[in-house]
Amino acid sequence: FEFPVFLKNLWQIGDFSNGKANLFLISKQVKNCMLTMVWV
């Protein structure tokens, strides 16, 4: 585990580029991963 790599991956917009934590985009990402999480 490398913390700098994790920080780079922490908040990203849809095209995998770095970006600030945007409430709308983050909520959309959370929504999109819910079914996978419930599946397990």
All heavy atoms as atom14 arrays in JSON, in Angstrom:
{
  "sequence": "FEFPVFLKNLWQIGDFSNGKANLFLISKQVKNCMLTMVWV",
  "atom14_mask": [
    [1, 1, 1, 1, 1, 1, 1, 1, 1, 1, 1, 0, 0, 0],
    [1, 1, 1, 1, 1, 1, 1, 1, 1, 0, 0, 0, 0, 0],
    [1, 1, 1, 1, 1, 1, 1, 1, 1, 1, 1, 0, 0, 0],
    [1, 1, 1, 1, 1, 1, 1, 0, 0, 0, 0, 0, 0, 0],
    [1, 1, 1, 1, 1, 1, 1, 0, 0, 0, 0, 0, 0, 0],
    [1, 1, 1, 1, 1, 1, 1, 1, 1, 1, 1, 0, 0, 0],
    [1, 1, 1, 1, 1, 1, 1, 1, 0, 0, 0, 0, 0, 0],
    [1, 1, 1, 1, 1, 1, 1, 1, 1, 0, 0, 0, 0, 0],
    [1, 1, 1, 1, 1, 1, 1, 1, 0, 0, 0, 0, 0, 0],
    [1, 1, 1, 1, 1, 1, 1, 1, 0, 0, 0, 0, 0, 0],
    [1, 1, 1, 1, 1, 1, 1, 1, 1, 1, 1, 1, 1, 1],
    [1, 1, 1, 1, 1, 1, 1, 1, 1, 0, 0, 0, 0, 0],
    [1, 1, 1, 1, 1, 1, 1, 1, 0, 0, 0, 0, 0, 0],
    [1, 1, 1, 1, 0, 0, 0, 0, 0, 0, 0, 0, 0, 0],
    [1, 1, 1, 1, 1, 1, 1, 1, 0, 0, 0, 0, 0, 0],
    [1, 1, 1, 1, 1, 1, 1, 1, 1, 1, 1, 0, 0, 0],
    [1, 1, 1, 1, 1, 1, 0, 0, 0, 0, 0, 0, 0, 0],
    [1, 1, 1, 1, 1, 1, 1, 1, 0, 0, 0, 0, 0, 0],
    [1, 1, 1, 1, 0, 0, 0, 0, 0, 0, 0, 0, 0, 0],
    [1, 1, 1, 1, 1, 1, 1, 1, 1, 0, 0, 0, 0, 0],
    [1, 1, 1, 1, 1, 0, 0, 0, 0, 0, 0, 0, 0, 0],
    [1, 1, 1, 1, 1, 1, 1, 1, 0, 0, 0, 0, 0, 0],
    [1, 1, 1, 1, 1, 1, 1, 1, 0, 0, 0, 0, 0, 0],
    [1, 1, 1, 1, 1, 1, 1, 1, 1, 1, 1, 0, 0, 0],
    [1, 1, 1, 1, 1, 1, 1, 1, 0, 0, 0, 0, 0, 0],
    [1, 1, 1, 1, 1, 1, 1, 1, 0, 0, 0, 0, 0, 0],
    [1, 1, 1, 1, 1, 1, 0, 0, 0, 0, 0, 0, 0, 0],
    [1, 1, 1, 1, 1, 1, 1, 1, 1, 0, 0, 0, 0, 0],
    [1, 1, 1, 1, 1, 1, 1, 1, 1, 0, 0, 0, 0, 0],
    [1, 1, 1, 1, 1, 1, 1, 0, 0, 0, 0, 0, 0, 0],
    [1, 1, 1, 1, 1, 1, 1, 1, 1, 0, 0, 0, 0, 0],
    [1, 1, 1, 1, 1, 1, 1, 1, 0, 0, 0, 0, 0, 0],
    [1, 1, 1, 1, 1, 1, 0, 0, 0, 0, 0, 0, 0, 0],
    [1, 1, 1, 1, 1, 1, 1, 1, 0, 0, 0, 0, 0, 0],
    [1, 1, 1, 1, 1, 1, 1, 1, 0, 0, 0, 0, 0, 0],
    [1, 1, 1, 1, 1, 1, 1, 0, 0, 0, 0, 0, 0, 0],
    [1, 1, 1, 1, 1, 1, 1, 1, 0, 0, 0, 0, 0, 0],
    [1, 1, 1, 1, 1, 1, 1, 0, 0, 0, 0, 0, 0, 0],
    [1, 1, 1, 1, 1, 1, 1, 1, 1, 1, 1, 1, 1, 1],
    [1, 1, 1, 1, 1, 1, 1, 0, 0, 0, 0, 0, 0, 0]
  ],
  "atom14_positions": [
    [[0.83, -1.2, 0.0], [0.0, 0.0, 0.0], [0.87, 1.26, 0.0], [1.78, 1.4, 0.81], [-0.91, 0.0, 1.23], [-1.92, 1.11, 1.25], [-3.13, 0.97, 0.6], [-1.66, 2.31, 1.91], [-4.08, 1.98, 0.62], [-2.59, 3.33, 1.93], [-3.81, 3.16, 1.28], [0.0, 0.0, 0.0], [0.0, 0.0, 0.0], [0.0, 0.0, 0.0]],
    [[0.58, 2.17, -0.94], [1.29, 3.45, -1.04], [0.28, 4.58, -0.89], [-0.61, 4.74, -1.72], [2.03, 3.56, -2.38], [3.12, 2.51, -2.55], [3.85, 2.65, -3.88], [3.74, 3.74, -4.49], [4.49, 1.68, -4.29], [0.0, 0.0, 0.0], [0.0, 0.0, 0.0], [0.0, 0.0, 0.0], [0.0, 0.0, 0.0], [0.0, 0.0, 0.0]],
    [[0.45, 5.36, 0.16], [-0.51, 6.41, 0.47], [-0.63, 7.46, -0.65], [-1.74, 7.9, -0.95], [-0.15, 7.09, 1.79], [-1.3, 7.83, 2.42], [-2.4, 7.15, 2.89], [-1.27, 9.22, 2.5], [-3.48, 7.84, 3.45], [-2.34, 9.91, 3.05], [-3.44, 9.22, 3.53], [0.0, 0.0, 0.0], [0.0, 0.0, 0.0], [0.0, 0.0, 0.0]],
    [[0.46, 7.88, -1.29], [0.33, 8.85, -2.4], [-0.54, 8.32, -3.55], [-1.3, 9.08, -4.15], [1.78, 9.06, -2.85], [2.6, 8.77, -1.64], [1.89, 7.65, -0.96], [0.0, 0.0, 0.0], [0.0, 0.0, 0.0], [0.0, 0.0, 0.0], [0.0, 0.0, 0.0], [0.0, 0.0, 0.0], [0.0, 0.0, 0.0], [0.0, 0.0, 0.0]],
    [[-0.4, 7.04, -3.86], [-1.23, 6.44, -4.91], [-2.7, 6.45, -4.49], [-3.6, 6.77, -5.29], [-0.77, 5.0, -5.22], [-1.69, 4.34, -6.25], [0.67, 4.98, -5.7], [0.0, 0.0, 0.0], [0.0, 0.0, 0.0], [0.0, 0.0, 0.0], [0.0, 0.0, 0.0], [0.0, 0.0, 0.0], [0.0, 0.0, 0.0], [0.0, 0.0, 0.0]],
    [[-2.93, 6.13, -3.22], [-4.3, 6.11, -2.7], [-4.93, 7.5, -2.76], [-6.09, 7.66, -3.15], [-4.31, 5.59, -1.27], [-5.68, 5.53, -0.65], [-6.56, 4.52, -1.01], [-6.09, 6.48, 0.28], [-7.84, 4.46, -0.44], [-7.35, 6.43, 0.84], [-8.24, 5.43, 0.48], [0.0, 0.0, 0.0], [0.0, 0.0, 0.0], [0.0, 0.0, 0.0]],
    [[-4.15, 8.52, -2.38], [-4.66, 9.89, -2.42], [-5.02, 10.31, -3.84], [-5.99, 11.01, -4.07], [-3.62, 10.85, -1.83], [-3.47, 10.85, -0.31], [-2.38, 11.83, 0.12], [-4.8, 11.2, 0.38], [0.0, 0.0, 0.0], [0.0, 0.0, 0.0], [0.0, 0.0, 0.0], [0.0, 0.0, 0.0], [0.0, 0.0, 0.0], [0.0, 0.0, 0.0]],
    [[-4.23, 9.85, -4.81], [-4.5, 10.16, -6.21], [-5.81, 9.52, -6.67], [-6.52, 10.07, -7.51], [-3.34, 9.67, -7.07], [-3.44, 10.11, -8.53], [-2.21, 9.67, -9.32], [-2.33, 10.11, -10.78], [-1.15, 9.68, -11.58], [0.0, 0.0, 0.0], [0.0, 0.0, 0.0], [0.0, 0.0, 0.0], [0.0, 0.0, 0.0], [0.0, 0.0, 0.0]],
    [[-6.09, 8.35, -6.11], [-7.32, 7.63, -6.48], [-8.52, 8.01, -5.62], [-9.63, 7.52, -5.86], [-7.11, 6.12, -6.34], [-6.17, 5.57, -7.4], [-6.17, 6.02, -8.53], [-5.36, 4.58, -7.02], [0.0, 0.0, 0.0], [0.0, 0.0, 0.0], [0.0, 0.0, 0.0], [0.0, 0.0, 0.0], [0.0, 0.0, 0.0], [0.0, 0.0, 0.0]],
    [[-8.3, 8.87, -4.61], [-9.35, 9.11, -3.61], [-10.58, 9.78, -4.21], [-11.71, 9.35, -3.99], [-8.78, 9.97, -2.47], [-9.67, 10.13, -1.24], [-10.01, 8.78, -0.64], [-8.99, 11.03, -0.2], [0.0, 0.0, 0.0], [0.0, 0.0, 0.0], [0.0, 0.0, 0.0], [0.0, 0.0, 0.0], [0.0, 0.0, 0.0], [0.0, 0.0, 0.0]],
    [[-10.38, 10.87, -4.96], [-11.5, 11.56, -5.6], [-11.18, 11.77, -7.07], [-10.24, 12.46, -7.4], [-11.76, 12.93, -4.94], [-11.95, 12.86, -3.47], [-11.14, 13.39, -2.52], [-13.02, 12.22, -2.76], [-11.62, 13.12, -1.27], [-12.79, 12.41, -1.38], [-14.16, 11.51, -3.16], [-13.63, 11.93, -0.39], [-15.01, 11.01, -2.18], [-14.74, 11.22, -0.82]],
    [[-11.95, 11.16, -7.92], [-11.75, 11.3, -9.35], [-13.09, 11.44, -10.05], [-14.08, 10.85, -9.62], [-11.0, 10.1, -9.94], [-9.53, 10.03, -9.52], [-8.83, 8.84, -10.15], [-9.44, 7.81, -10.38], [-7.56, 9.0, -10.44], [0.0, 0.0, 0.0], [0.0, 0.0, 0.0], [0.0, 0.0, 0.0], [0.0, 0.0, 0.0], [0.0, 0.0, 0.0]],
    [[-13.1, 12.22, -11.13], [-14.32, 12.36, -11.91], [-14.42, 11.23, -12.92], [-13.54, 10.38, -13.0], [-14.38, 13.76, -12.59], [-13.13, 13.98, -13.46], [-14.49, 14.84, -11.56], [-13.14, 15.31, -14.19], [0.0, 0.0, 0.0], [0.0, 0.0, 0.0], [0.0, 0.0, 0.0], [0.0, 0.0, 0.0], [0.0, 0.0, 0.0], [0.0, 0.0, 0.0]],
    [[-15.46, 11.23, -13.73], [-15.8, 10.08, -14.55], [-14.73, 9.61, -15.52], [-14.67, 8.45, -15.87], [0.0, 0.0, 0.0], [0.0, 0.0, 0.0], [0.0, 0.0, 0.0], [0.0, 0.0, 0.0], [0.0, 0.0, 0.0], [0.0, 0.0, 0.0], [0.0, 0.0, 0.0], [0.0, 0.0, 0.0], [0.0, 0.0, 0.0], [0.0, 0.0, 0.0]],
    [[-13.84, 10.52, -16.0], [-12.85, 10.11, -16.99], [-11.53, 9.69, -16.36], [-10.5, 9.67, -17.02], [-12.61, 11.24, -18.01], [-12.09, 12.51, -17.34], [-11.96, 12.51, -16.11], [-11.82, 13.5, -18.06], [0.0, 0.0, 0.0], [0.0, 0.0, 0.0], [0.0, 0.0, 0.0], [0.0, 0.0, 0.0], [0.0, 0.0, 0.0], [0.0, 0.0, 0.0]],
    [[-11.53, 9.4, -15.06], [-10.37, 8.92, -14.32], [-9.32, 10.01, -14.08], [-8.23, 9.72, -13.59], [-9.68, 7.73, -15.01], [-10.59, 6.56, -15.18], [-11.17, 6.3, -16.4], [-10.86, 5.72, -14.13], [-12.02, 5.21, -16.57], [-11.71, 4.63, -14.28], [-12.29, 4.39, -15.5], [0.0, 0.0, 0.0], [0.0, 0.0, 0.0], [0.0, 0.0, 0.0]],
    [[-9.62, 11.26, -14.41], [-8.68, 12.33, -14.11], [-8.89, 12.83, -12.69], [-9.96, 12.65, -12.12], [-8.86, 13.49, -15.1], [-10.17, 14.01, -15.02], [0.0, 0.0, 0.0], [0.0, 0.0, 0.0], [0.0, 0.0, 0.0], [0.0, 0.0, 0.0], [0.0, 0.0, 0.0], [0.0, 0.0, 0.0], [0.0, 0.0, 0.0], [0.0, 0.0, 0.0]],
    [[-7.87, 13.45, -12.12], [-7.98, 13.95, -10.76], [-8.94, 15.13, -10.71], [-9.05, 15.92, -11.64], [-6.61, 14.4, -10.25], [-5.66, 13.23, -10.1], [-6.09, 12.15, -9.75], [-4.39, 13.44, -10.39], [0.0, 0.0, 0.0], [0.0, 0.0, 0.0], [0.0, 0.0, 0.0], [0.0, 0.0, 0.0], [0.0, 0.0, 0.0], [0.0, 0.0, 0.0]],
    [[-9.62, 15.24, -9.62], [-10.54, 16.35, -9.45], [-10.93, 16.52, -8.0], [-10.67, 15.65, -7.18], [0.0, 0.0, 0.0], [0.0, 0.0, 0.0], [0.0, 0.0, 0.0], [0.0, 0.0, 0.0], [0.0, 0.0, 0.0], [0.0, 0.0, 0.0], [0.0, 0.0, 0.0], [0.0, 0.0, 0.0], [0.0, 0.0, 0.0], [0.0, 0.0, 0.0]],
    [[-11.53, 17.65, -7.69], [-11.99, 17.89, -6.34], [-13.25, 17.08, -6.08], [-13.97, 16.71, -6.99], [-12.27, 19.38, -6.16], [-11.02, 20.26, -6.23], [-11.38, 21.71, -6.0], [-10.12, 22.58, -6.06], [-10.45, 24.02, -5.85], [0.0, 0.0, 0.0], [0.0, 0.0, 0.0], [0.0, 0.0, 0.0], [0.0, 0.0, 0.0], [0.0, 0.0, 0.0]],
    [[-13.47, 16.82, -4.81], [-14.65, 16.05, -4.44], [-15.91, 16.86, -4.76], [-16.22, 17.85, -4.12], [-14.61, 15.72, -2.94], [0.0, 0.0, 0.0], [0.0, 0.0, 0.0], [0.0, 0.0, 0.0], [0.0, 0.0, 0.0], [0.0, 0.0, 0.0], [0.0, 0.0, 0.0], [0.0, 0.0, 0.0], [0.0, 0.0, 0.0], [0.0, 0.0, 0.0]],
    [[-16.61, 16.45, -5.8], [-17.84, 17.11, -6.23], [-19.02, 16.28, -5.73], [-19.12, 15.09, -6.02], [-17.86, 17.21, -7.75], [-19.11, 17.87, -8.28], [-20.2, 17.32, -8.18], [-18.94, 19.06, -8.85], [0.0, 0.0, 0.0], [0.0, 0.0, 0.0], [0.0, 0.0, 0.0], [0.0, 0.0, 0.0], [0.0, 0.0, 0.0], [0.0, 0.0, 0.0]],
    [[-19.92, 16.92, -4.98], [-20.99, 16.18, -4.32], [-21.85, 15.41, -5.31], [-22.18, 14.25, -5.09], [-21.86, 17.16, -3.52], [-22.98, 16.52, -2.69], [-22.39, 15.54, -1.67], [-23.8, 17.6, -1.98], [0.0, 0.0, 0.0], [0.0, 0.0, 0.0], [0.0, 0.0, 0.0], [0.0, 0.0, 0.0], [0.0, 0.0, 0.0], [0.0, 0.0, 0.0]],
    [[-22.18, 16.04, -6.44], [-23.03, 15.37, -7.43], [-22.33, 14.16, -8.04], [-22.9, 13.07, -8.14], [-23.43, 16.35, -8.53], [-24.16, 15.69, -9.67], [-25.48, 15.31, -9.54], [-23.5, 15.43, -10.88], [-26.15, 14.68, -10.59], [-24.16, 14.82, -11.92], [-25.49, 14.44, -11.78], [0.0, 0.0, 0.0], [0.0, 0.0, 0.0], [0.0, 0.0, 0.0]],
    [[-21.06, 14.36, -8.44], [-20.33, 13.28, -9.08], [-20.06, 12.13, -8.11], [-20.15, 10.96, -8.47], [-19.01, 13.81, -9.65], [-19.13, 14.76, -10.84], [-17.76, 15.34, -11.2], [-19.72, 14.05, -12.04], [0.0, 0.0, 0.0], [0.0, 0.0, 0.0], [0.0, 0.0, 0.0], [0.0, 0.0, 0.0], [0.0, 0.0, 0.0], [0.0, 0.0, 0.0]],
    [[-19.72, 12.48, -6.87], [-19.45, 11.44, -5.87], [-20.72, 10.65, -5.55], [-20.7, 9.42, -5.44], [-18.85, 12.05, -4.59], [-17.48, 12.66, -4.88], [-18.73, 10.99, -3.5], [-16.47, 11.7, -5.48], [0.0, 0.0, 0.0], [0.0, 0.0, 0.0], [0.0, 0.0, 0.0], [0.0, 0.0, 0.0], [0.0, 0.0, 0.0], [0.0, 0.0, 0.0]],
    [[-21.85, 11.35, -5.42], [-23.11, 10.65, -5.15], [-23.49, 9.73, -6.3], [-24.02, 8.63, -6.09], [-24.23, 11.67, -4.9], [-24.45, 12.47, -6.05], [0.0, 0.0, 0.0], [0.0, 0.0, 0.0], [0.0, 0.0, 0.0], [0.0, 0.0, 0.0], [0.0, 0.0, 0.0], [0.0, 0.0, 0.0], [0.0, 0.0, 0.0], [0.0, 0.0, 0.0]],
    [[-23.16, 10.15, -7.53], [-23.42, 9.29, -8.7], [-22.54, 8.05, -8.65], [-23.0, 6.95, -8.96], [-23.17, 10.09, -9.97], [-23.51, 9.33, -11.25], [-23.26, 10.19, -12.48], [-23.6, 9.42, -13.76], [-23.36, 10.23, -14.98], [0.0, 0.0, 0.0], [0.0, 0.0, 0.0], [0.0, 0.0, 0.0], [0.0, 0.0, 0.0], [0.0, 0.0, 0.0]],
    [[-21.27, 8.23, -8.26], [-20.37, 7.09, -8.14], [-20.83, 6.12, -7.05], [-20.81, 4.9, -7.23], [-18.95, 7.57, -7.84], [-18.27, 8.25, -9.01], [-16.84, 8.66, -8.69], [-16.37, 8.51, -7.57], [-16.13, 9.18, -9.69], [0.0, 0.0, 0.0], [0.0, 0.0, 0.0], [0.0, 0.0, 0.0], [0.0, 0.0, 0.0], [0.0, 0.0, 0.0]],
    [[-21.27, 6.67, -5.92], [-21.77, 5.83, -4.83], [-22.98, 5.02, -5.31], [-23.09, 3.82, -5.05], [-22.14, 6.69, -3.6], [-22.84, 5.83, -2.55], [-20.9, 7.33, -3.0], [0.0, 0.0, 0.0], [0.0, 0.0, 0.0], [0.0, 0.0, 0.0], [0.0, 0.0, 0.0], [0.0, 0.0, 0.0], [0.0, 0.0, 0.0], [0.0, 0.0, 0.0]],
    [[-23.87, 5.66, -6.03], [-25.05, 4.98, -6.56], [-24.66, 3.83, -7.49], [-25.21, 2.73, -7.41], [-25.93, 5.98, -7.31], [-27.24, 5.4, -7.84], [-27.87, 6.25, -8.9], [-27.21, 6.0, -10.25], [-27.97, 6.61, -11.38], [0.0, 0.0, 0.0], [0.0, 0.0, 0.0], [0.0, 0.0, 0.0], [0.0, 0.0, 0.0], [0.0, 0.0, 0.0]],
    [[-23.67, 4.1, -8.34], [-23.28, 3.1, -9.34], [-22.58, 1.88, -8.75], [-22.52, 0.84, -9.4], [-22.36, 3.75, -10.38], [-23.1, 4.72, -11.29], [-24.32, 4.63, -11.43], [-22.38, 5.66, -11.87], [0.0, 0.0, 0.0], [0.0, 0.0, 0.0], [0.0, 0.0, 0.0], [0.0, 0.0, 0.0], [0.0, 0.0, 0.0], [0.0, 0.0, 0.0]],
    [[-22.03, 2.0, -7.55], [-21.34, 0.84, -6.96], [-22.2, 0.09, -5.95], [-21.79, -0.95, -5.44], [-20.01, 1.26, -6.32], [-20.15, 2.32, -4.88], [0.0, 0.0, 0.0], [0.0, 0.0, 0.0], [0.0, 0.0, 0.0], [0.0, 0.0, 0.0], [0.0, 0.0, 0.0], [0.0, 0.0, 0.0], [0.0, 0.0, 0.0], [0.0, 0.0, 0.0]],
    [[-23.43, 0.57, -5.7], [-24.27, -0.05, -4.67], [-24.68, -1.48, -5.0], [-24.66, -2.36, -4.14], [-25.5, 0.81, -4.39], [-25.23, 1.98, -3.46], [-26.73, 2.68, -2.77], [-27.58, 3.21, -4.24], [0.0, 0.0, 0.0], [0.0, 0.0, 0.0], [0.0, 0.0, 0.0], [0.0, 0.0, 0.0], [0.0, 0.0, 0.0], [0.0, 0.0, 0.0]],
    [[-25.09, -1.71, -6.25], [-25.58, -3.05, -6.6], [-24.47, -4.08, -6.46], [-24.7, -5.21, -6.0], [-26.13, -3.05, -8.04], [-27.09, -4.19, -8.39], [-28.33, -4.12, -7.53], [-27.47, -4.13, -9.86], [0.0, 0.0, 0.0], [0.0, 0.0, 0.0], [0.0, 0.0, 0.0], [0.0, 0.0, 0.0], [0.0, 0.0, 0.0], [0.0, 0.0, 0.0]],
    [[-23.25, -3.71, -6.84], [-22.1, -4.61, -6.68], [-21.87, -4.92, -5.21], [-21.58, -6.07, -4.84], [-20.84, -3.97, -7.29], [-21.05, -3.73, -8.68], [-19.64, -4.89, -7.13], [0.0, 0.0, 0.0], [0.0, 0.0, 0.0], [0.0, 0.0, 0.0], [0.0, 0.0, 0.0], [0.0, 0.0, 0.0], [0.0, 0.0, 0.0], [0.0, 0.0, 0.0]],
    [[-21.98, -3.91, -4.36], [-21.75, -4.1, -2.93], [-22.84, -4.95, -2.28], [-22.56, -5.79, -1.42], [-21.66, -2.73, -2.23], [-20.42, -1.95, -2.61], [-20.37, -0.33, -1.8], [-18.73, 0.23, -2.26], [0.0, 0.0, 0.0], [0.0, 0.0, 0.0], [0.0, 0.0, 0.0], [0.0, 0.0, 0.0], [0.0, 0.0, 0.0], [0.0, 0.0, 0.0]],
    [[-24.08, -4.72, -2.68], [-25.17, -5.54, -2.13], [-25.03, -6.99, -2.58], [-25.3, -7.93, -1.82], [-26.54, -4.97, -2.56], [-27.68, -5.89, -2.13], [-26.76, -3.57, -1.96], [0.0, 0.0, 0.0], [0.0, 0.0, 0.0], [0.0, 0.0, 0.0], [0.0, 0.0, 0.0], [0.0, 0.0, 0.0], [0.0, 0.0, 0.0], [0.0, 0.0, 0.0]],
    [[-24.55, -7.19, -3.83], [-24.36, -8.54, -4.37], [-23.47, -9.39, -3.48], [-23.76, -10.57, -3.23], [-23.8, -8.44, -5.78], [-22.92, -9.57, -6.25], [-21.59, -9.53, -6.5], [-23.31, -10.92, -6.56], [-21.12, -10.74, -6.94], [-22.16, -11.62, -6.98], [-24.52, -11.62, -6.52], [-22.18, -12.96, -7.35], [-24.55, -12.96, -6.89], [-23.4, -13.61, -7.3]],
    [[-22.38, -8.81, -2.98], [-21.43, -9.62, -2.21], [-21.98, -9.99, -0.83], [-21.4, -10.83, -0.13], [-20.05, -8.94, -2.07], [-19.38, -8.81, -3.42], [-20.16, -7.58, -1.39], [0.0, 0.0, 0.0], [0.0, 0.0, 0.0], [0.0, 0.0, 0.0], [0.0, 0.0, 0.0], [0.0, 0.0, 0.0], [0.0, 0.0, 0.0], [0.0, 0.0, 0.0]]
  ]
}
